[in-house]
């Protein structure tokens, strides 16, 4: 099995009030060394065996562009790893 973890975050130019609130709260708790907080979403996609890495990357990009990330406001990255079937 191939597992892909997709991470979606706001673009740098987009205001993220949730991240700002967390950063302010951390400061009030004494964590003054935090210079930036990012809040985002993560997804884990498991692909069937037999697909090439290129085919997986193509599908991940299509899925992320069409469904997981709002391209006007968000960026995404992903990590691909092989996983053993533990069932």
Protein backbone atom coordinates (compact mmCIF):
# COMPACT_ATOMS: atom_id res chain seq x y z
CA UNK A 1 0.00 0.00 0.00
CA UNK A 2 1.04 3.55 -0.60
CA UNK A 3 0.01 6.18 1.92
CA UNK A 4 0.01 9.85 1.03
CA UNK A 5 -0.28 12.53 3.71
CA UNK A 6 -1.54 15.83 2.32
CA UNK A 7 -1.03 19.02 4.35
CA UNK A 8 -3.09 22.11 3.53
CA UNK A 9 -2.23 25.54 4.96
CA UNK A 10 -3.24 29.11 4.25
CA UNK A 11 -1.03 31.08 1.86
CA UNK A 12 1.25 33.64 3.52
CA UNK A 13 -0.90 36.52 2.24
CA UNK A 14 -4.10 35.19 3.87
CA UNK A 15 -5.09 36.31 7.36
CA UNK A 16 -5.59 33.33 9.69
CA UNK A 17 -7.43 34.50 12.82
CA UNK A 18 -7.32 31.06 14.46
CA UNK A 19 -3.52 30.90 14.21
CA UNK A 20 -3.22 34.47 15.51
CA UNK A 21 -5.43 33.65 18.51
CA UNK A 22 -3.32 30.59 19.33
CA UNK A 23 -0.09 32.58 19.04
CA UNK A 24 -1.46 35.29 21.37
CA UNK A 25 -2.62 32.66 23.88
CA UNK A 26 0.81 31.02 23.81
CA UNK A 27 2.37 34.40 24.56
CA UNK A 28 0.03 34.89 27.53
CA UNK A 29 1.10 31.47 28.81
CA UNK A 30 4.74 32.52 28.69
CA UNK A 31 5.79 30.91 25.42
CA UNK A 32 7.39 34.06 24.05
CA UNK A 33 9.78 32.35 21.63
CA UNK A 34 7.02 31.33 19.20
CA UNK A 35 7.27 33.64 16.20
CA UNK A 36 4.65 32.03 13.97
CA UNK A 37 1.76 29.59 14.26
CA UNK A 38 0.20 27.89 11.25
CA UNK A 39 -3.12 26.12 11.43
CA UNK A 40 -4.15 23.83 8.62
CA UNK A 41 -5.71 20.55 7.64
CA UNK A 42 -4.21 17.15 6.98
CA UNK A 43 -5.53 14.21 4.99
CA UNK A 44 -4.28 10.65 4.67
CA UNK A 45 -4.97 8.87 1.38
CA UNK A 46 -4.25 5.16 0.93
CA UNK A 47 -3.76 4.02 -2.66
CA UNK A 48 -4.21 0.53 -4.06
CA UNK A 49 -1.13 -1.53 -4.85
CA UNK A 50 0.20 -1.53 -8.39
CA UNK A 51 0.12 2.21 -9.09
CA UNK A 52 3.30 3.95 -10.16
CA UNK A 53 4.65 6.86 -8.16
CA UNK A 54 3.94 9.15 -11.13
CA UNK A 55 0.29 8.03 -11.27
CA UNK A 56 -0.09 8.54 -7.52
CA UNK A 57 1.44 12.03 -7.69
CA UNK A 58 -0.88 12.94 -10.58
CA UNK A 59 -3.96 11.80 -8.65
CA UNK A 60 -2.86 13.50 -5.41
CA UNK A 61 -2.37 16.79 -7.25
CA UNK A 62 -5.74 16.48 -9.00
CA UNK A 63 -7.56 15.59 -5.74
CA UNK A 64 -5.83 18.37 -3.82
CA UNK A 65 -6.55 20.97 -6.52
CA UNK A 66 -10.17 19.93 -6.99
CA UNK A 67 -11.26 19.07 -3.47
CA UNK A 68 -8.83 19.42 -0.56
CA UNK A 69 -7.37 22.91 -1.01
CA UNK A 70 -8.91 26.20 -2.07
CA UNK A 71 -6.30 27.36 -4.56
CA UNK A 72 -7.20 31.03 -3.97
CA UNK A 73 -6.36 30.85 -0.27
CA UNK A 74 -4.40 27.67 0.44
CA UNK A 75 -1.26 25.77 -0.52
CA UNK A 76 -0.66 22.07 -0.10
CA UNK A 77 2.27 19.74 0.24
CA UNK A 78 2.34 15.97 0.53
CA UNK A 79 4.50 13.07 1.62
CA UNK A 80 4.39 9.65 -0.04
CA UNK A 81 5.36 6.53 1.89
CA UNK A 82 5.03 2.79 1.46
CA UNK A 83 3.10 1.11 4.25
CA UNK A 84 2.86 -2.52 5.24
CA UNK A 85 -0.63 -3.97 5.47
CA UNK A 86 -1.02 -4.80 9.16
CA UNK A 87 -4.38 -6.55 8.87
